[in-house]
C-alpha cells in the first residue's frame, strides 16, 4: 500500500481550490478573445473584468488599479523596472534580481527598522517573508514612506489571504494566484497610486500597462480563489511545541500563522527534505524557486545566521485541510529523523 502523503509546503504552492477549478472549467467552455468586440469576445471580457473586481476588492483597491500578469515574479519585475530601488536584504529573489540598488539590512528576526529607510527613497519591502513568515512592521513602514515622500512596492505574495492587504499602505502590491489556491501562471500588480510602468511586455491589453492576450481561464480561477485562507496558527504552534532540539528562525516577532523555519543542527536542509519526502511529508529547504540550488538561504544569512546553520534549516508551511493528527505525525517523524540523522 502506498504511503499516505501529507503536504506541508503551502508557501510553495497551494492545492487548487474547488471554486477555482469550477471557474476555470466554465471559462474553458467559452470562446472569444477578450479584446474582440463580438458577443463571444464581450463574454470573455466580462469574465476577466468580474475577476478583476474580485481581486481588487480582495486587495483593497479599485478594479482599474489591477494589472493581470503571469505571476508574482512578473508583477515584481513590472513594478520595479525603470528606477533604482532600496530592497530589503531578505526579499524574494524576484525582487532582488530586479531592484538594482542598495540593500536594506534586517535584524535577527528578519525585519527592517522603518527609521532606517532614507527620506524619499523608493523601497521594495515584502509584507511577509516566504521562508520564515516574518512580518515587517507594515504600519510603521507605510507612515515612514508617506511622511518622507517616498515610494513603496510590496511583494504581498505570501501575505495574501493571511494578512489584511487593505491595511498595507503601499503604492503597489504583487500577488500570485497559486499561493491562494488559484492556478499557476497568473498574478497581479495592484497599482494603488498610478505611475508609469516600464515593463518589457508592450501592447494594447491591460490598459496598455502590460501587453499580451489575457489568460482568461487562469484569471477566472484567480478571481474565484481571491479570499482569506483559514487560520492554522494553532496547528503550527502545536507542531513547534513537539519538536525536540529544533531551532526556530523568525519566531521572536510577528510572523505568518502558517509558516515555520526550522533548523536541525548537524543535518543539512537538503538531507532533511529528502528524508521527510521518503517518510511521506512534503516540506522544502528555503524558497521553492531556489530549493534545488546548493547553498545556504540568503534570508537566514541576512538575519545574521552563520552559513552552516543557515544550510540546516527547512521550511514547513501549513494550510487548510491539515489535522492535528497530521501535525503530530510530522513531529514524531522529525524527532525520529533528528535522532537518526544526527547519529549518521
C-alpha atoms as a PDB file:
ATOM      1  CA  UNK A   1       0.000   0.000   0.000  1.00  0.00           C
ATOM      2  CA  UNK A   2       1.325   3.454  -0.929  1.00  0.00           C
ATOM      3  CA  UNK A   3       2.288   5.633   1.997  1.00  0.00           C
ATOM      4  CA  UNK A   4      -0.130   8.496   2.660  1.00  0.00           C
ATOM      5  CA  UNK A   5       1.303  11.851   1.628  1.00  0.00           C
ATOM      6  CA  UNK A   6       0.995  14.893   3.910  1.00  0.00           C
ATOM      7  CA  UNK A   7       1.511  18.186   2.098  1.00  0.00           C
ATOM      8  CA  UNK A   8       3.249  20.844   4.210  1.00  0.00           C
ATOM      9  CA  UNK A   9       4.621  23.200   1.536  1.00  0.00           C
ATOM     10  CA  UNK A  10       1.805  25.689   1.063  1.00  0.00           C
ATOM     11  CA  UNK A  11       4.177  28.637   0.659  1.00  0.00           C
ATOM     12  CA  UNK A  12       5.493  26.968  -2.490  1.00  0.00           C
ATOM     13  CA  UNK A  13       2.022  26.438  -3.908  1.00  0.00           C
ATOM     14  CA  UNK A  14      -1.448  25.780  -2.579  1.00  0.00           C
ATOM     15  CA  UNK A  15      -3.651  22.955  -3.861  1.00  0.00           C
ATOM     16  CA  UNK A  16      -6.171  24.162  -6.440  1.00  0.00           C
ATOM     17  CA  UNK A  17      -9.324  25.281  -4.644  1.00  0.00           C
ATOM     18  CA  UNK A  18     -12.627  23.728  -5.793  1.00  0.00           C
ATOM     19  CA  UNK A  19     -14.082  27.177  -6.524  1.00  0.00           C
ATOM     20  CA  UNK A  20     -11.109  27.993  -8.746  1.00  0.00           C
ATOM     21  CA  UNK A  21     -11.383  24.672 -10.565  1.00  0.00           C
ATOM     22  CA  UNK A  22     -15.098  25.248 -11.221  1.00  0.00           C
ATOM     23  CA  UNK A  23     -14.488  28.776 -12.509  1.00  0.00           C
ATOM     24  CA  UNK A  24     -11.716  27.587 -14.810  1.00  0.00           C
ATOM     25  CA  UNK A  25     -13.816  24.721 -16.145  1.00  0.00           C
ATOM     26  CA  UNK A  26     -16.601  27.150 -17.010  1.00  0.00           C
ATOM     27  CA  UNK A  27     -14.146  29.542 -18.666  1.00  0.00           C
ATOM     28  CA  UNK A  28     -12.644  26.746 -20.770  1.00  0.00           C
ATOM     29  CA  UNK A  29     -16.024  26.205 -22.360  1.00  0.00           C
ATOM     30  CA  UNK A  30     -16.139  29.781 -23.627  1.00  0.00           C
ATOM     31  CA  UNK A  31     -14.983  31.113 -26.992  1.00  0.00           C
ATOM     32  CA  UNK A  32     -13.674  34.561 -27.724  1.00  0.00           C
ATOM     33  CA  UNK A  33     -10.707  36.835 -27.255  1.00  0.00           C
ATOM     34  CA  UNK A  34     -11.449  39.446 -24.564  1.00  0.00           C
ATOM     35  CA  UNK A  35     -10.204  42.164 -26.937  1.00  0.00           C
ATOM     36  CA  UNK A  36     -12.739  41.233 -29.624  1.00  0.00           C
ATOM     37  CA  UNK A  37     -15.932  43.257 -29.932  1.00  0.00           C
ATOM     38  CA  UNK A  38     -18.312  40.471 -30.952  1.00  0.00           C
ATOM     39  CA  UNK A  39     -20.538  38.677 -28.491  1.00  0.00           C
ATOM     40  CA  UNK A  40     -18.051  35.931 -27.691  1.00  0.00           C
ATOM     41  CA  UNK A  41     -15.305  38.486 -27.078  1.00  0.00           C
ATOM     42  CA  UNK A  42     -17.550  40.577 -24.859  1.00  0.00           C
ATOM     43  CA  UNK A  43     -18.420  37.481 -22.806  1.00  0.00           C
ATOM     44  CA  UNK A  44     -14.727  36.746 -22.284  1.00  0.00           C
ATOM     45  CA  UNK A  45     -14.154  40.388 -21.353  1.00  0.00           C
ATOM     46  CA  UNK A  46     -16.934  40.234 -18.755  1.00  0.00           C
ATOM     47  CA  UNK A  47     -15.311  37.194 -17.210  1.00  0.00           C
ATOM     48  CA  UNK A  48     -11.947  38.979 -16.983  1.00  0.00           C
ATOM     49  CA  UNK A  49     -13.486  42.134 -15.536  1.00  0.00           C
ATOM     50  CA  UNK A  50     -15.561  40.220 -12.997  1.00  0.00           C
ATOM     51  CA  UNK A  51     -12.377  38.525 -11.799  1.00  0.00           C
ATOM     52  CA  UNK A  52     -10.575  41.875 -11.764  1.00  0.00           C
ATOM     53  CA  UNK A  53     -13.269  43.307  -9.497  1.00  0.00           C
ATOM     54  CA  UNK A  54     -12.941  40.360  -7.097  1.00  0.00           C
ATOM     55  CA  UNK A  55      -9.145  40.617  -6.954  1.00  0.00           C
ATOM     56  CA  UNK A  56      -9.396  44.386  -6.458  1.00  0.00           C
ATOM     57  CA  UNK A  57     -11.814  44.035  -3.543  1.00  0.00           C
ATOM     58  CA  UNK A  58      -9.559  41.394  -2.030  1.00  0.00           C
ATOM     59  CA  UNK A  59      -6.560  43.743  -2.286  1.00  0.00           C
ATOM     60  CA  UNK A  60      -8.348  46.856  -1.065  1.00  0.00           C
ATOM     61  CA  UNK A  61      -8.094  48.575  -4.445  1.00  0.00           C
ATOM     62  CA  UNK A  62     -10.239  49.740  -7.348  1.00  0.00           C
ATOM     63  CA  UNK A  63     -10.634  47.424 -10.379  1.00  0.00           C
ATOM     64  CA  UNK A  64      -8.780  49.837 -12.663  1.00  0.00           C
ATOM     65  CA  UNK A  65      -5.746  49.501 -10.375  1.00  0.00           C
ATOM     66  CA  UNK A  66      -5.332  45.770 -11.038  1.00  0.00           C
ATOM     67  CA  UNK A  67      -2.965  44.663 -13.824  1.00  0.00           C
ATOM     68  CA  UNK A  68      -3.026  40.934 -14.514  1.00  0.00           C
ATOM     69  CA  UNK A  69       0.385  39.313 -15.030  1.00  0.00           C
ATOM     70  CA  UNK A  70       1.840  35.833 -15.460  1.00  0.00           C
ATOM     71  CA  UNK A  71       2.556  35.604 -11.723  1.00  0.00           C
ATOM     72  CA  UNK A  72       4.200  37.246  -8.745  1.00  0.00           C
ATOM     73  CA  UNK A  73       7.641  37.334 -10.345  1.00  0.00           C
ATOM     74  CA  UNK A  74       6.410  39.324 -13.335  1.00  0.00           C
ATOM     75  CA  UNK A  75       4.385  41.595 -11.078  1.00  0.00           C
ATOM     76  CA  UNK A  76       7.536  42.422  -9.112  1.00  0.00           C
ATOM     77  CA  UNK A  77       9.584  42.920 -12.274  1.00  0.00           C
ATOM     78  CA  UNK A  78       6.926  45.180 -13.795  1.00  0.00           C
ATOM     79  CA  UNK A  79       6.726  47.301 -10.648  1.00  0.00           C
ATOM     80  CA  UNK A  80      10.497  47.655 -10.237  1.00  0.00           C
ATOM     81  CA  UNK A  81      11.576  48.358 -13.826  1.00  0.00           C
ATOM     82  CA  UNK A  82      12.972  51.751 -14.711  1.00  0.00           C
ATOM     83  CA  UNK A  83      14.294  53.120 -11.399  1.00  0.00           C
ATOM     84  CA  UNK A  84      16.676  52.324  -8.538  1.00  0.00           C
ATOM     85  CA  UNK A  85      15.102  50.670  -5.502  1.00  0.00           C
ATOM     86  CA  UNK A  86      16.274  50.130  -1.950  1.00  0.00           C
ATOM     87  CA  UNK A  87      15.336  46.489  -1.352  1.00  0.00           C
ATOM     88  CA  UNK A  88      15.304  44.574   1.891  1.00  0.00           C
ATOM     89  CA  UNK A  89      18.148  42.070   2.191  1.00  0.00           C
ATOM     90  CA  UNK A  90      15.709  39.203   2.808  1.00  0.00           C
ATOM     91  CA  UNK A  91      13.440  39.861  -0.182  1.00  0.00           C
ATOM     92  CA  UNK A  92      12.378  37.150  -2.601  1.00  0.00           C
ATOM     93  CA  UNK A  93      14.862  36.597  -5.415  1.00  0.00           C
ATOM     94  CA  UNK A  94      12.370  38.012  -7.941  1.00  0.00           C
ATOM     95  CA  UNK A  95      12.737  41.363  -6.153  1.00  0.00           C
ATOM     96  CA  UNK A  96      16.477  41.183  -5.587  1.00  0.00           C
ATOM     97  CA  UNK A  97      17.060  40.362  -9.263  1.00  0.00           C
ATOM     98  CA  UNK A  98      15.157  43.474 -10.406  1.00  0.00           C
ATOM     99  CA  UNK A  99      15.831  46.028  -7.659  1.00  0.00           C
ATOM    100  CA  UNK A 100      19.103  47.447  -8.897  1.00  0.00           C
ATOM    101  CA  UNK A 101      20.117  49.431  -5.851  1.00  0.00           C
ATOM    102  CA  UNK A 102      21.460  49.070  -2.309  1.00  0.00           C
ATOM    103  CA  UNK A 103      20.091  46.633   0.258  1.00  0.00           C
ATOM    104  CA  UNK A 104      18.319  47.497   3.493  1.00  0.00           C
ATOM    105  CA  UNK A 105      19.517  45.402   6.430  1.00  0.00           C
ATOM    106  CA  UNK A 106      17.173  43.251   8.508  1.00  0.00           C
ATOM    107  CA  UNK A 107      17.541  42.406  12.179  1.00  0.00           C
ATOM    108  CA  UNK A 108      17.985  38.960  13.721  1.00  0.00           C
ATOM    109  CA  UNK A 109      14.267  38.314  13.347  1.00  0.00           C
ATOM    110  CA  UNK A 110      14.281  39.192   9.646  1.00  0.00           C
ATOM    111  CA  UNK A 111      12.545  42.551   9.959  1.00  0.00           C
ATOM    112  CA  UNK A 112      13.579  46.047   8.856  1.00  0.00           C
ATOM    113  CA  UNK A 113      13.723  49.120  11.052  1.00  0.00           C
ATOM    114  CA  UNK A 114      11.407  51.721   9.459  1.00  0.00           C
ATOM    115  CA  UNK A 115      13.637  54.565  10.670  1.00  0.00           C
ATOM    116  CA  UNK A 116      16.454  53.120   8.526  1.00  0.00           C
ATOM    117  CA  UNK A 117      14.512  53.952   5.346  1.00  0.00           C
ATOM    118  CA  UNK A 118      16.061  57.123   3.881  1.00  0.00           C
ATOM    119  CA  UNK A 119      13.688  60.051   3.289  1.00  0.00           C
ATOM    120  CA  UNK A 120      12.164  59.983  -0.168  1.00  0.00           C
ATOM    121  CA  UNK A 121      13.528  56.520  -1.002  1.00  0.00           C
ATOM    122  CA  UNK A 122      11.837  54.059  -3.340  1.00  0.00           C
ATOM    123  CA  UNK A 123      11.766  50.887  -1.230  1.00  0.00           C
ATOM    124  CA  UNK A 124      10.901  47.302  -2.135  1.00  0.00           C
ATOM    125  CA  UNK A 125       9.838  45.559   1.073  1.00  0.00           C
ATOM    126  CA  UNK A 126       7.692  42.448   1.246  1.00  0.00           C
ATOM    127  CA  UNK A 127       4.831  42.122   3.683  1.00  0.00           C
ATOM    128  CA  UNK A 128       5.818  38.695   4.992  1.00  0.00           C
ATOM    129  CA  UNK A 129       8.837  36.543   4.275  1.00  0.00           C
ATOM    130  CA  UNK A 130       8.314  33.400   2.245  1.00  0.00           C
ATOM    131  CA  UNK A 131      10.883  31.367   4.210  1.00  0.00           C
ATOM    132  CA  UNK A 132      10.439  32.433   7.835  1.00  0.00           C
ATOM    133  CA  UNK A 133       6.979  34.025   7.758  1.00  0.00           C
ATOM    134  CA  UNK A 134       8.423  37.126   9.456  1.00  0.00           C
ATOM    135  CA  UNK A 135       6.100  40.119   9.037  1.00  0.00           C
ATOM    136  CA  UNK A 136       7.682  43.549   8.670  1.00  0.00           C
ATOM    137  CA  UNK A 137       6.298  46.462  10.765  1.00  0.00           C
ATOM    138  CA  UNK A 138       3.951  47.356   7.937  1.00  0.00           C
ATOM    139  CA  UNK A 139       2.066  50.263   9.509  1.00  0.00           C
ATOM    140  CA  UNK A 140       5.309  51.956  10.533  1.00  0.00           C
ATOM    141  CA  UNK A 141       6.845  51.435   7.089  1.00  0.00           C
ATOM    142  CA  UNK A 142       3.794  52.964   5.461  1.00  0.00           C
ATOM    143  CA  UNK A 143       3.943  56.014   7.721  1.00  0.00           C
ATOM    144  CA  UNK A 144       7.674  56.468   7.143  1.00  0.00           C
ATOM    145  CA  UNK A 145       7.307  56.323   3.370  1.00  0.00           C
ATOM    146  CA  UNK A 146       4.291  58.654   3.295  1.00  0.00           C
ATOM    147  CA  UNK A 147       5.800  61.221   5.677  1.00  0.00           C
ATOM    148  CA  UNK A 148       9.102  61.416   3.777  1.00  0.00           C
ATOM    149  CA  UNK A 149       7.666  61.436   0.243  1.00  0.00           C
ATOM    150  CA  UNK A 150       8.959  58.009  -0.717  1.00  0.00           C
ATOM    151  CA  UNK A 151       7.595  55.107  -2.754  1.00  0.00           C
ATOM    152  CA  UNK A 152       6.866  51.578  -1.537  1.00  0.00           C
ATOM    153  CA  UNK A 153       6.441  48.437  -3.625  1.00  0.00           C
ATOM    154  CA  UNK A 154       5.282  45.493  -1.518  1.00  0.00           C
ATOM    155  CA  UNK A 155       5.667  41.855  -2.537  1.00  0.00           C
ATOM    156  CA  UNK A 156       2.481  40.594  -0.885  1.00  0.00           C
ATOM    157  CA  UNK A 157       2.528  37.125  -2.439  1.00  0.00           C
ATOM    158  CA  UNK A 158       2.816  35.227   0.862  1.00  0.00           C
ATOM    159  CA  UNK A 159       0.743  37.692   2.874  1.00  0.00           C
ATOM    160  CA  UNK A 160      -2.297  37.465   0.575  1.00  0.00           C
ATOM    161  CA  UNK A 161      -5.089  35.548   2.268  1.00  0.00           C
ATOM    162  CA  UNK A 162      -3.272  35.660   5.607  1.00  0.00           C
ATOM    163  CA  UNK A 163      -2.973  39.402   6.274  1.00  0.00           C
ATOM    164  CA  UNK A 164      -5.360  42.258   5.519  1.00  0.00           C
ATOM    165  CA  UNK A 165      -3.999  43.663   2.263  1.00  0.00           C
ATOM    166  CA  UNK A 166      -6.196  46.754   2.536  1.00  0.00           C
ATOM    167  CA  UNK A 167      -4.263  47.750   5.670  1.00  0.00           C
ATOM    168  CA  UNK A 168      -0.913  47.770   3.839  1.00  0.00           C
ATOM    169  CA  UNK A 169      -0.350  51.370   2.739  1.00  0.00           C
ATOM    170  CA  UNK A 170       1.951  50.520  -0.167  1.00  0.00           C
ATOM    171  CA  UNK A 171       1.968  52.213  -3.557  1.00  0.00           C
ATOM    172  CA  UNK A 172       1.869  48.837  -5.307  1.00  0.00           C
ATOM    173  CA  UNK A 173       1.391  45.187  -4.406  1.00  0.00           C
ATOM    174  CA  UNK A 174       2.437  41.978  -6.157  1.00  0.00           C
ATOM    175  CA  UNK A 175       0.098  38.972  -5.934  1.00  0.00           C
ATOM    176  CA  UNK A 176       0.196  35.382  -7.179  1.00  0.00           C
ATOM    177  CA  UNK A 177      -2.878  33.220  -7.699  1.00  0.00           C
ATOM    178  CA  UNK A 178      -1.376  29.821  -6.936  1.00  0.00           C
ATOM    179  CA  UNK A 179      -0.393  30.787  -3.396  1.00  0.00           C
ATOM    180  CA  UNK A 180      -4.110  31.223  -2.658  1.00  0.00           C
ATOM    181  CA  UNK A 181      -5.489  28.089  -4.299  1.00  0.00           C
ATOM    182  CA  UNK A 182      -5.754  29.567  -7.777  1.00  0.00           C
ATOM    183  CA  UNK A 183      -3.858  28.275 -10.819  1.00  0.00           C
ATOM    184  CA  UNK A 184      -0.181  28.690 -11.580  1.00  0.00           C
ATOM    185  CA  UNK A 185       0.762  31.158 -14.306  1.00  0.00           C
ATOM    186  CA  UNK A 186      -1.346  34.145 -13.263  1.00  0.00           C
ATOM    187  CA  UNK A 187      -0.829  37.005 -10.822  1.00  0.00           C
ATOM    188  CA  UNK A 188      -1.435  40.705 -10.496  1.00  0.00           C
ATOM    189  CA  UNK A 189       0.273  44.006  -9.907  1.00  0.00           C
ATOM    190  CA  UNK A 190      -2.008  46.271  -7.895  1.00  0.00           C
ATOM    191  CA  UNK A 191      -1.189  49.937  -8.511  1.00  0.00           C
ATOM    192  CA  UNK A 192      -2.695  51.756  -5.547  1.00  0.00           C
ATOM    193  CA  UNK A 193      -1.171  55.018  -6.781  1.00  0.00           C
ATOM    194  CA  UNK A 194      -0.927  55.392 -10.531  1.00  0.00           C
ATOM    195  CA  UNK A 195       2.529  55.695 -12.025  1.00  0.00           C
ATOM    196  CA  UNK A 196       4.243  54.928 -15.296  1.00  0.00           C
ATOM    197  CA  UNK A 197       5.423  51.354 -15.838  1.00  0.00           C
ATOM    198  CA  UNK A 198       8.461  50.430 -17.872  1.00  0.00           C
ATOM    199  CA  UNK A 199       7.999  46.693 -18.287  1.00  0.00           C
ATOM    200  CA  UNK A 200       9.272  44.687 -21.255  1.00  0.00           C
ATOM    201  CA  UNK A 201       5.889  43.412 -22.480  1.00  0.00           C
ATOM    202  CA  UNK A 202       4.246  46.167 -24.501  1.00  0.00           C
ATOM    203  CA  UNK A 203       0.818  46.031 -26.098  1.00  0.00           C
ATOM    204  CA  UNK A 204      -2.728  47.308 -26.014  1.00  0.00           C
ATOM    205  CA  UNK A 205      -4.022  44.953 -23.302  1.00  0.00           C
ATOM    206  CA  UNK A 206      -4.435  45.758 -19.591  1.00  0.00           C
ATOM    207  CA  UNK A 207      -4.901  49.463 -20.323  1.00  0.00           C
ATOM    208  CA  UNK A 208      -1.549  49.412 -22.144  1.00  0.00           C
ATOM    209  CA  UNK A 209       0.291  48.641 -18.921  1.00  0.00           C
ATOM    210  CA  UNK A 210       1.049  45.020 -19.794  1.00  0.00           C
ATOM    211  CA  UNK A 211       0.681  43.571 -23.267  1.00  0.00           C
ATOM    212  CA  UNK A 212      -0.414  40.103 -24.331  1.00  0.00           C
ATOM    213  CA  UNK A 213      -3.816  38.463 -24.606  1.00  0.00           C
ATOM    214  CA  UNK A 214      -5.149  37.862 -21.126  1.00  0.00           C
ATOM    215  CA  UNK A 215      -5.044  34.356 -19.652  1.00  0.00           C
ATOM    216  CA  UNK A 216      -8.818  34.188 -19.378  1.00  0.00           C
ATOM    217  CA  UNK A 217      -9.008  30.732 -17.808  1.00  0.00           C
ATOM    218  CA  UNK A 218      -6.282  31.485 -15.270  1.00  0.00           C
ATOM    219  CA  UNK A 219      -7.753  34.883 -14.420  1.00  0.00           C
ATOM    220  CA  UNK A 220     -11.136  33.268 -13.804  1.00  0.00           C
ATOM    221  CA  UNK A 221      -9.503  30.869 -11.356  1.00  0.00           C
ATOM    222  CA  UNK A 222      -7.625  33.714  -9.680  1.00  0.00           C
ATOM    223  CA  UNK A 223     -10.812  35.666  -9.124  1.00  0.00           C
ATOM    224  CA  UNK A 224     -12.526  32.666  -7.580  1.00  0.00           C
ATOM    225  CA  UNK A 225      -9.582  31.962  -5.261  1.00  0.00           C
ATOM    226  CA  UNK A 226      -9.107  35.536  -4.004  1.00  0.00           C
ATOM    227  CA  UNK A 227     -10.326  35.147  -0.440  1.00  0.00           C
ATOM    228  CA  UNK A 228      -8.981  34.723   3.068  1.00  0.00           C
ATOM    229  CA  UNK A 229      -7.329  31.431   3.975  1.00  0.00           C
ATOM    230  CA  UNK A 230      -8.163  29.514   7.120  1.00  0.00           C
ATOM    231  CA  UNK A 231      -6.019  30.343  10.158  1.00  0.00           C
ATOM    232  CA  UNK A 232      -3.747  27.402  11.011  1.00  0.00           C
ATOM    233  CA  UNK A 233      -1.607  29.118  13.648  1.00  0.00           C
ATOM    234  CA  UNK A 234      -2.768  26.699  16.361  1.00  0.00           C
ATOM    235  CA  UNK A 235      -1.541  23.770  14.295  1.00  0.00           C
ATOM    236  CA  UNK A 236       1.795  25.480  13.630  1.00  0.00           C
ATOM    237  CA  UNK A 237       2.272  26.186  17.330  1.00  0.00           C
ATOM    238  CA  UNK A 238       1.301  22.602  18.185  1.00  0.00           C
ATOM    239  CA  UNK A 239       3.975  21.329  15.818  1.00  0.00           C
ATOM    240  CA  UNK A 240       6.706  23.612  17.125  1.00  0.00           C
ATOM    241  CA  UNK A 241       5.980  22.636  20.729  1.00  0.00           C
ATOM    242  CA  UNK A 242       6.609  18.971  19.877  1.00  0.00           C
ATOM    243  CA  UNK A 243       9.953  19.270  18.069  1.00  0.00           C
ATOM    244  CA  UNK A 244      12.884  18.281  20.283  1.00  0.00           C
ATOM    245  CA  UNK A 245      16.115  20.245  19.903  1.00  0.00           C
ATOM    246  CA  UNK A 246      14.835  22.336  16.998  1.00  0.00           C
ATOM    247  CA  UNK A 247      15.964  25.886  16.227  1.00  0.00           C
ATOM    248  CA  UNK A 248      13.262  28.293  15.042  1.00  0.00           C
ATOM    249  CA  UNK A 249      14.052  31.354  12.933  1.00  0.00           C
ATOM    250  CA  UNK A 250      11.887  34.477  12.930  1.00  0.00           C
ATOM    251  CA  UNK A 251       9.821  33.310  15.903  1.00  0.00           C
ATOM    252  CA  UNK A 252      10.727  36.267  18.131  1.00  0.00           C
ATOM    253  CA  UNK A 253       8.265  38.654  16.465  1.00  0.00           C
ATOM    254  CA  UNK A 254       5.175  38.847  14.273  1.00  0.00           C
ATOM    255  CA  UNK A 255       5.017  36.183  11.552  1.00  0.00           C
ATOM    256  CA  UNK A 256       2.507  34.376   9.384  1.00  0.00           C
ATOM    257  CA  UNK A 257       0.472  31.839  11.307  1.00  0.00           C
ATOM    258  CA  UNK A 258       1.168  29.042   8.843  1.00  0.00           C
ATOM    259  CA  UNK A 259       4.962  29.244   8.489  1.00  0.00           C
ATOM    260  CA  UNK A 260       7.828  27.756  10.477  1.00  0.00           C
ATOM    261  CA  UNK A 261      11.523  27.904   9.568  1.00  0.00           C
ATOM    262  CA  UNK A 262      13.170  25.069  11.488  1.00  0.00           C
ATOM    263  CA  UNK A 263      16.819  24.224  11.974  1.00  0.00           C
ATOM    264  CA  UNK A 264      18.009  20.669  12.686  1.00  0.00           C
ATOM    265  CA  UNK A 265      21.583  21.193  13.963  1.00  0.00           C
ATOM    266  CA  UNK A 266      24.097  18.954  12.275  1.00  0.00           C
ATOM    267  CA  UNK A 267      21.877  17.904   9.366  1.00  0.00           C
ATOM    268  CA  UNK A 268      21.681  19.718   6.028  1.00  0.00           C
ATOM    269  CA  UNK A 269      18.345  21.021   4.836  1.00  0.00           C
ATOM    270  CA  UNK A 270      18.673  19.046   1.617  1.00  0.00           C
ATOM    271  CA  UNK A 271      19.119  15.802   3.547  1.00  0.00           C
ATOM    272  CA  UNK A 272      16.100  16.628   5.690  1.00  0.00           C
ATOM    273  CA  UNK A 273      13.869  17.358   2.702  1.00  0.00           C
ATOM    274  CA  UNK A 274      14.757  14.031   1.084  1.00  0.00           C
ATOM    275  CA  UNK A 275      14.312  12.126   4.335  1.00  0.00           C
ATOM    276  CA  UNK A 276      10.918  13.661   5.040  1.00  0.00           C
ATOM    277  CA  UNK A 277       9.864  13.000   1.459  1.00  0.00           C
ATOM    278  CA  UNK A 278      10.597   9.306   1.969  1.00  0.00           C
ATOM    279  CA  UNK A 279       8.526   9.478   5.156  1.00  0.00           C
ATOM    280  CA  UNK A 280       5.581  10.927   3.214  1.00  0.00           C
ATOM    281  CA  UNK A 281       5.920  14.637   4.094  1.00  0.00           C
ATOM    282  CA  UNK A 282       6.367  17.420   1.539  1.00  0.00           C
ATOM    283  CA  UNK A 283       8.481  20.245   3.001  1.00  0.00           C
ATOM    284  CA  UNK A 284      11.126  22.491   1.457  1.00  0.00           C
ATOM    285  CA  UNK A 285      14.547  23.969   2.132  1.00  0.00           C
ATOM    286  CA  UNK A 286      14.295  27.713   1.543  1.00  0.00           C
ATOM    287  CA  UNK A 287      12.128  29.128  -1.217  1.00  0.00           C
ATOM    288  CA  UNK A 288      10.683  26.581  -3.636  1.00  0.00           C
ATOM    289  CA  UNK A 289      12.015  28.506  -6.637  1.00  0.00           C
ATOM    290  CA  UNK A 290      15.574  28.143  -5.363  1.00  0.00           C
ATOM    291  CA  UNK A 291      15.458  24.987  -3.217  1.00  0.00           C
ATOM    292  CA  UNK A 292      17.099  22.955  -5.980  1.00  0.00           C
ATOM    293  CA  UNK A 293      20.209  25.095  -5.753  1.00  0.00           C
ATOM    294  CA  UNK A 294      23.068  24.267  -3.410  1.00  0.00           C
ATOM    295  CA  UNK A 295      23.800  26.921  -0.807  1.00  0.00           C
ATOM    296  CA  UNK A 296      22.564  28.455   2.399  1.00  0.00           C
ATOM    297  CA  UNK A 297      19.412  30.576   2.477  1.00  0.00           C
ATOM    298  CA  UNK A 298      20.149  34.236   1.716  1.00  0.00           C
ATOM    299  CA  UNK A 299      17.254  35.115   4.029  1.00  0.00           C
ATOM    300  CA  UNK A 300      18.868  33.474   7.052  1.00  0.00           C
ATOM    301  CA  UNK A 301      22.291  34.840   6.150  1.00  0.00           C
ATOM    302  CA  UNK A 302      20.779  38.351   6.055  1.00  0.00           C
ATOM    303  CA  UNK A 303      19.424  37.711   9.558  1.00  0.00           C
ATOM    304  CA  UNK A 304      22.940  37.039  10.818  1.00  0.00           C
ATOM    305  CA  UNK A 305      22.702  33.234  10.903  1.00  0.00           C
ATOM    306  CA  UNK A 306      26.046  31.598  10.128  1.00  0.00           C
ATOM    307  CA  UNK A 307      26.364  29.706   6.851  1.00  0.00           C
ATOM    308  CA  UNK A 308      26.460  26.254   8.424  1.00  0.00           C
ATOM    309  CA  UNK A 309      23.304  26.780  10.460  1.00  0.00           C
ATOM    310  CA  UNK A 310      21.572  28.515   7.544  1.00  0.00           C
ATOM    311  CA  UNK A 311      22.154  25.380   5.487  1.00  0.00           C
ATOM    312  CA  UNK A 312      20.487  23.216   8.145  1.00  0.00           C
ATOM    313  CA  UNK A 313      17.027  24.807   8.006  1.00  0.00           C
ATOM    314  CA  UNK A 314      13.826  23.706   6.336  1.00  0.00           C
ATOM    315  CA  UNK A 315      10.530  25.481   5.832  1.00  0.00           C
ATOM    316  CA  UNK A 316       7.246  23.934   6.889  1.00  0.00           C
ATOM    317  CA  UNK A 317       4.181  25.832   5.684  1.00  0.00           C
ATOM    318  CA  UNK A 318       0.670  24.706   6.513  1.00  0.00           C
ATOM    319  CA  UNK A 319      -2.756  25.190   5.010  1.00  0.00           C
ATOM    320  CA  UNK A 320      -6.425  24.279   5.362  1.00  0.00           C
ATOM    321  CA  UNK A 321      -7.183  20.574   5.372  1.00  0.00           C
ATOM    322  CA  UNK A 322      -4.390  19.549   7.720  1.00  0.00           C
ATOM    323  CA  UNK A 323      -5.432  17.972  11.008  1.00  0.00           C
ATOM    324  CA  UNK A 324      -3.833  17.688  14.415  1.00  0.00           C
ATOM    325  CA  UNK A 325      -3.036  14.048  13.641  1.00  0.00           C
ATOM    326  CA  UNK A 326      -1.004  15.151  10.617  1.00  0.00           C
ATOM    327  CA  UNK A 327       0.930  17.625  12.746  1.00  0.00           C
ATOM    328  CA  UNK A 328       1.632  15.017  15.397  1.00  0.00           C
ATOM    329  CA  UNK A 329       2.768  12.535  12.748  1.00  0.00           C
ATOM    330  CA  UNK A 330       5.229  15.084  11.378  1.00  0.00           C
ATOM    331  CA  UNK A 331       6.545  15.919  14.840  1.00  0.00           C
ATOM    332  CA  UNK A 332       7.105  12.241  15.566  1.00  0.00           C
ATOM    333  CA  UNK A 333       8.908  11.834  12.240  1.00  0.00           C
ATOM    334  CA  UNK A 334      11.034  14.952  12.894  1.00  0.00           C
ATOM    335  CA  UNK A 335      12.130  13.726  16.305  1.00  0.00           C
ATOM    336  CA  UNK A 336      12.854  10.253  14.977  1.00  0.00           C
ATOM    337  CA  UNK A 337      14.763  11.532  11.957  1.00  0.00           C
ATOM    338  CA  UNK A 338      16.682  14.095  14.019  1.00  0.00           C
ATOM    339  CA  UNK A 339      17.985  11.368  16.327  1.00  0.00           C
ATOM    340  CA  UNK A 340      18.886   9.079  13.417  1.00  0.00           C
ATOM    341  CA  UNK A 341      20.376  11.699  11.113  1.00  0.00           C
ATOM    342  CA  UNK A 342      22.454  13.256  13.860  1.00  0.00           C
ATOM    343  CA  UNK A 343      23.941   9.849  14.645  1.00  0.00           C
ATOM    344  CA  UNK A 344      24.634   9.409  10.931  1.00  0.00           C
END
